[in-house]
Amino acid sequence: MPTPLHAFDLGGNTVRDRKQCREDPMVAAPIPLIITRPEGAGAAFVQALPPDLRSRFHVMYNPLIEIVSVEGTPLVGEHDAVIFTSANGVRFAPDGQGRVAYCVGAATTKAAGQNGWRSRCLGQTADALIAELIAIRPAHRLWHLSGIHARGDVVQRLSDAGIEAVREPLYDQRTLSLSPEIKRVLDGAGPVVVPLFSPRTAAQFARECPENASPLLLALSAAVAHPLAVLKRASVDIAANPSAPAMQAGLEKLITRVSLG
């Protein structure tokens, strides 16, 4: 069963604003913004949007991925270090107790630091992190604390470079469905904006999206955009870099394009 759909006006004025739009044709109606991230991450992304940008969207939540813990505790040694390629890895990891964590992205690095790790950001992508680790060649064993569905072959590529590394899945990423209401919105005549943050979520969206829908999609990276190529009627933009600020900027560009169109 998909997570129940929630539609929010984060400024508390959805009903009033919609009434105003009906009465004043010069006021643009909010555009549906479908958030497919897991619940906590999706809400955090929306709350971080500038208020003037948020006000131009009618936010609808329909997570396509559910994050659940798997059994077991990683046996990270006192002198070992870890790799976090997402904040979910930090969420399900044990307390760092001052051990070193090599991270992808500022948000993951911050989360690791708050969870007791001596966190260090080694770039915005797994490729950048691997290159940095090969350059610095840590002497300690590395644990990639990840989800069951992990990309980038991080451990294999480090092992091939002679660096001791193991992968320990801490969580599963179960796919969910688009709700009937969201499918009706996507099938409607007006513009619909959908930001997508992972290749797996993008692939699930591509499977679930109605055939005749023409959404405006914003992908975090080229890898996220790749599964969307099957959606022939969709418009796909790619963020300038794989970060939340770049996704915000991408939404600004999309909403401006819609307004001018």
Protein backbone atom coordinates (compact mmCIF):
# COMPACT_ATOMS: atom_id res chain seq x y z
CA MET A 1 0.00 0.00 0.00
CA PRO A 2 1.38 3.46 -0.82
CA THR A 3 1.86 5.94 1.95
CA PRO A 4 -1.37 7.97 2.37
CA LEU A 5 -1.42 11.08 0.24
CA HIS A 6 -1.15 14.42 1.97
CA ALA A 7 -1.60 17.79 0.28
CA PHE A 8 -0.29 20.78 2.17
CA ASP A 9 -0.18 24.52 1.89
CA LEU A 10 2.83 25.23 4.07
CA GLY A 11 1.83 28.84 4.52
CA GLY A 12 -1.62 27.88 5.82
CA ASN A 13 -3.45 29.66 2.99
CA THR A 14 -4.27 27.03 0.36
CA VAL A 15 -8.06 27.42 0.48
CA ARG A 16 -7.91 31.22 0.57
CA ASP A 17 -5.29 31.35 -2.19
CA ARG A 18 -7.28 29.04 -4.45
CA LYS A 19 -10.40 31.14 -3.91
CA GLN A 20 -8.40 34.27 -4.73
CA CYS A 21 -7.10 32.62 -7.91
CA ARG A 22 -10.64 31.84 -9.04
CA GLU A 23 -11.77 35.39 -8.36
CA ASP A 24 -8.71 37.13 -9.78
CA PRO A 25 -7.49 35.71 -13.12
CA MET A 26 -4.27 37.70 -12.77
CA VAL A 27 -3.22 35.55 -9.79
CA ALA A 28 -1.62 32.28 -10.91
CA ALA A 29 -2.96 29.12 -9.28
CA PRO A 30 -0.37 27.06 -7.35
CA ILE A 31 1.18 24.32 -9.46
CA PRO A 32 1.11 20.73 -8.10
CA LEU A 33 4.51 19.72 -6.74
CA ILE A 34 4.65 15.96 -6.18
CA ILE A 35 7.22 14.90 -3.57
CA THR A 36 8.27 11.26 -3.94
CA ARG A 37 11.03 11.13 -1.31
CA PRO A 38 10.57 9.12 1.89
CA GLU A 39 8.41 11.00 4.39
CA GLY A 40 11.05 12.67 6.56
CA ALA A 41 13.37 13.61 3.71
CA GLY A 42 10.50 14.88 1.58
CA ALA A 43 9.12 17.14 4.29
CA ALA A 44 12.60 18.47 5.10
CA PHE A 45 13.20 19.36 1.44
CA VAL A 46 9.90 21.24 1.20
CA GLN A 47 10.41 23.08 4.49
CA ALA A 48 13.82 24.26 3.26
CA LEU A 49 12.36 25.90 0.14
CA PRO A 50 12.24 29.70 0.26
CA PRO A 51 8.72 30.79 1.34
CA ASP A 52 8.05 32.70 -1.90
CA LEU A 53 8.89 29.58 -3.92
CA ARG A 54 6.83 27.29 -1.67
CA SER A 55 3.83 29.56 -2.07
CA ARG A 56 3.78 28.96 -5.82
CA PHE A 57 3.26 25.21 -5.38
CA HIS A 58 0.47 23.00 -4.14
CA VAL A 59 2.59 20.36 -2.37
CA MET A 60 1.46 16.73 -2.56
CA TYR A 61 3.33 13.90 -0.85
CA ASN A 62 3.46 10.41 -2.34
CA PRO A 63 6.67 8.62 -1.31
CA LEU A 64 7.81 5.99 -3.80
CA ILE A 65 10.45 4.57 -1.47
CA GLU A 66 10.02 3.31 2.08
CA ILE A 67 13.18 3.06 4.18
CA VAL A 68 13.19 0.16 6.66
CA SER A 69 15.91 -1.21 8.89
CA VAL A 70 17.42 -4.64 8.33
CA GLU A 71 18.58 -6.90 11.14
CA GLY A 72 22.14 -6.89 12.37
CA THR A 73 24.71 -4.46 13.72
CA PRO A 74 27.91 -3.70 11.81
CA LEU A 75 31.05 -4.81 13.61
CA VAL A 76 32.92 -1.57 13.04
CA GLY A 77 36.16 -1.77 15.02
CA GLU A 78 37.55 0.89 17.30
CA HIS A 79 40.17 1.87 14.71
CA ASP A 80 38.00 1.36 11.61
CA ALA A 81 36.36 4.13 9.58
CA VAL A 82 33.08 4.24 7.71
CA ILE A 83 31.73 5.55 4.43
CA PHE A 84 28.31 7.20 4.26
CA THR A 85 26.90 7.91 0.80
CA SER A 86 23.51 8.97 2.18
CA ALA A 87 21.99 10.28 5.40
CA ASN A 88 19.97 7.06 5.69
CA GLY A 89 23.22 5.20 6.33
CA VAL A 90 23.89 7.56 9.24
CA ARG A 91 20.32 7.10 10.49
CA PHE A 92 20.69 3.34 10.91
CA ALA A 93 24.38 3.27 11.92
CA PRO A 94 25.60 2.97 15.50
CA ASP A 95 26.94 6.04 17.28
CA GLY A 96 30.28 7.12 15.88
CA GLN A 97 32.08 7.40 19.24
CA GLY A 98 34.63 9.68 17.63
CA ARG A 99 35.50 7.35 14.76
CA VAL A 100 36.12 8.71 11.26
CA ALA A 101 33.35 8.90 8.64
CA TYR A 102 34.01 9.76 4.99
CA CYS A 103 30.82 11.20 3.50
CA VAL A 104 29.16 12.24 0.26
CA GLY A 105 27.47 15.65 0.44
CA ALA A 106 27.12 18.33 3.09
CA ALA A 107 23.85 17.03 4.53
CA THR A 108 25.23 13.52 5.11
CA THR A 109 28.41 14.96 6.58
CA LYS A 110 26.42 17.11 8.99
CA ALA A 111 24.21 14.19 10.03
CA ALA A 112 27.24 12.00 10.69
CA GLY A 113 28.84 14.70 12.82
CA GLN A 114 25.66 14.97 14.87
CA ASN A 115 25.74 11.20 15.40
CA GLY A 116 29.18 11.14 16.98
CA TRP A 117 31.36 10.58 13.90
CA ARG A 118 34.37 12.69 12.97
CA SER A 119 32.82 13.35 9.61
CA ARG A 120 34.65 14.56 6.54
CA CYS A 121 33.00 15.47 3.23
CA LEU A 122 34.80 14.00 0.22
CA GLY A 123 32.66 15.46 -2.55
CA GLN A 124 29.12 15.48 -3.87
CA THR A 125 29.16 12.08 -5.61
CA ALA A 126 30.37 8.53 -5.01
CA ASP A 127 32.89 8.97 -7.83
CA ALA A 128 34.41 12.00 -6.10
CA LEU A 129 34.55 10.18 -2.77
CA ILE A 130 36.29 7.16 -4.31
CA ALA A 131 38.86 9.37 -6.04
CA GLU A 132 39.62 11.18 -2.78
CA LEU A 133 39.94 7.94 -0.81
CA ILE A 134 42.30 6.47 -3.40
CA ALA A 135 44.37 9.66 -3.19
CA ILE A 136 44.61 9.73 0.61
CA ARG A 137 44.72 5.91 1.03
CA PRO A 138 43.40 5.55 4.61
CA ALA A 139 45.32 3.02 6.69
CA HIS A 140 42.25 1.78 8.55
CA ARG A 141 39.61 -0.64 7.27
CA LEU A 142 36.61 1.06 5.67
CA TRP A 143 32.96 0.04 6.11
CA HIS A 144 30.43 1.28 3.57
CA LEU A 145 27.25 1.50 5.67
CA SER A 146 24.56 1.65 3.01
CA GLY A 147 21.20 0.42 1.82
CA ILE A 148 20.62 -2.97 0.20
CA HIS A 149 20.30 -1.18 -3.14
CA ALA A 150 23.57 0.74 -3.40
CA ARG A 151 25.07 2.33 -6.49
CA GLY A 152 28.61 3.18 -7.49
CA ASP A 153 30.41 -0.10 -6.66
CA VAL A 154 32.17 1.82 -3.92
CA VAL A 155 33.67 -1.17 -2.10
CA GLN A 156 34.66 -3.04 -5.26
CA ARG A 157 36.42 -0.01 -6.72
CA LEU A 158 38.27 0.69 -3.47
CA SER A 159 39.27 -2.97 -3.15
CA ASP A 160 40.55 -2.94 -6.73
CA ALA A 161 42.72 0.02 -5.72
CA GLY A 162 44.20 -1.95 -2.81
CA ILE A 163 42.17 -0.32 -0.05
CA GLU A 164 40.55 -2.62 2.50
CA ALA A 165 36.79 -2.05 2.39
CA VAL A 166 33.61 -3.99 3.15
CA ARG A 167 29.94 -3.16 2.61
CA GLU A 168 27.33 -3.60 5.32
CA PRO A 169 23.68 -2.97 4.31
CA LEU A 170 21.76 -1.35 7.18
CA TYR A 171 18.41 -0.68 5.51
CA ASP A 172 16.16 -1.65 2.63
CA GLN A 173 14.52 0.73 0.16
CA ARG A 174 11.10 -0.77 -0.64
CA THR A 175 9.23 0.67 -3.60
CA LEU A 176 5.72 2.08 -3.22
CA SER A 177 3.02 3.02 -5.75
CA LEU A 178 1.57 6.29 -6.94
CA SER A 179 -1.87 6.85 -5.42
CA PRO A 180 -4.96 7.08 -7.68
CA GLU A 181 -5.29 10.77 -6.82
CA ILE A 182 -1.72 11.54 -7.84
CA LYS A 183 -2.22 9.66 -11.10
CA ARG A 184 -5.29 11.80 -11.79
CA VAL A 185 -3.25 14.94 -11.15
CA LEU A 186 -0.51 13.73 -13.51
CA ASP A 187 -3.13 12.92 -16.15
CA GLY A 188 -4.65 16.41 -15.92
CA ALA A 189 -4.26 19.25 -18.37
CA GLY A 190 -2.15 21.61 -16.25
CA PRO A 191 1.56 21.55 -15.46
CA VAL A 192 2.79 19.21 -12.71
CA VAL A 193 6.32 19.38 -11.27
CA VAL A 194 8.08 16.31 -9.85
CA PRO A 195 11.59 16.51 -8.36
CA LEU A 196 13.36 13.12 -8.25
CA PHE A 197 16.38 12.36 -6.07
CA SER A 198 17.50 8.79 -6.78
CA PRO A 199 17.72 6.45 -9.78
CA ARG A 200 15.55 3.87 -8.00
CA THR A 201 12.81 6.40 -7.26
CA ALA A 202 13.03 7.69 -10.83
CA ALA A 203 12.66 4.17 -12.21
CA GLN A 204 9.64 3.54 -10.00
CA PHE A 205 8.08 6.83 -11.08
CA ALA A 206 8.62 5.91 -14.72
CA ARG A 207 6.84 2.59 -14.14
CA GLU A 208 3.94 4.22 -12.31
CA CYS A 209 3.43 7.40 -14.34
CA PRO A 210 0.29 7.37 -16.54
CA GLU A 211 1.14 6.84 -20.20
CA ASN A 212 -0.35 10.11 -21.43
CA ALA A 213 0.99 12.29 -18.61
CA SER A 214 3.47 15.05 -19.43
CA PRO A 215 5.05 16.04 -16.09
CA LEU A 216 7.89 18.52 -15.64
CA LEU A 217 10.62 16.42 -14.03
CA LEU A 218 13.68 17.69 -12.19
CA ALA A 219 16.41 15.07 -11.65
CA LEU A 220 19.19 15.35 -9.08
CA SER A 221 21.76 14.03 -11.58
CA ALA A 222 22.20 12.43 -14.98
CA ALA A 223 22.03 9.02 -13.30
CA VAL A 224 18.63 9.93 -11.84
CA ALA A 225 17.46 11.23 -15.22
CA HIS A 226 18.45 8.06 -17.09
CA PRO A 227 15.41 5.88 -16.13
CA LEU A 228 13.08 8.73 -17.14
CA ALA A 229 13.98 8.47 -20.84
CA VAL A 230 11.06 6.04 -21.34
CA LEU A 231 8.59 8.86 -20.54
CA LYS A 232 8.32 10.31 -24.02
CA ARG A 233 5.87 13.08 -23.07
CA ALA A 234 7.77 14.25 -20.01
CA SER A 235 10.14 17.21 -19.79
CA VAL A 236 13.32 16.34 -17.88
CA ASP A 237 15.69 18.92 -16.38
CA ILE A 238 18.86 18.02 -14.45
CA ALA A 239 20.11 20.00 -11.45
CA ALA A 240 23.40 21.84 -11.89
CA ASN A 241 24.94 19.61 -9.21
CA PRO A 242 23.60 16.88 -6.91
CA SER A 243 22.63 19.04 -3.93
CA ALA A 244 19.49 20.40 -2.29
CA PRO A 245 20.36 24.04 -3.17
CA ALA A 246 20.76 23.05 -6.83
CA MET A 247 17.38 21.31 -6.73
CA GLN A 248 15.85 24.48 -5.28
CA ALA A 249 17.41 26.50 -8.08
CA GLY A 250 16.06 23.99 -10.59
CA LEU A 251 12.55 24.44 -9.22
CA GLU A 252 12.92 28.21 -9.51
CA LYS A 253 13.84 27.84 -13.19
CA LEU A 254 10.95 25.45 -13.83
CA ILE A 255 8.34 27.67 -12.21
CA THR A 256 9.68 30.69 -14.09
CA ARG A 257 9.49 28.78 -17.38
CA VAL A 258 5.92 27.72 -16.66
CA SER A 259 4.95 31.31 -15.80
CA LEU A 260 6.48 32.68 -18.99
CA GLY A 261 4.96 29.91 -21.09
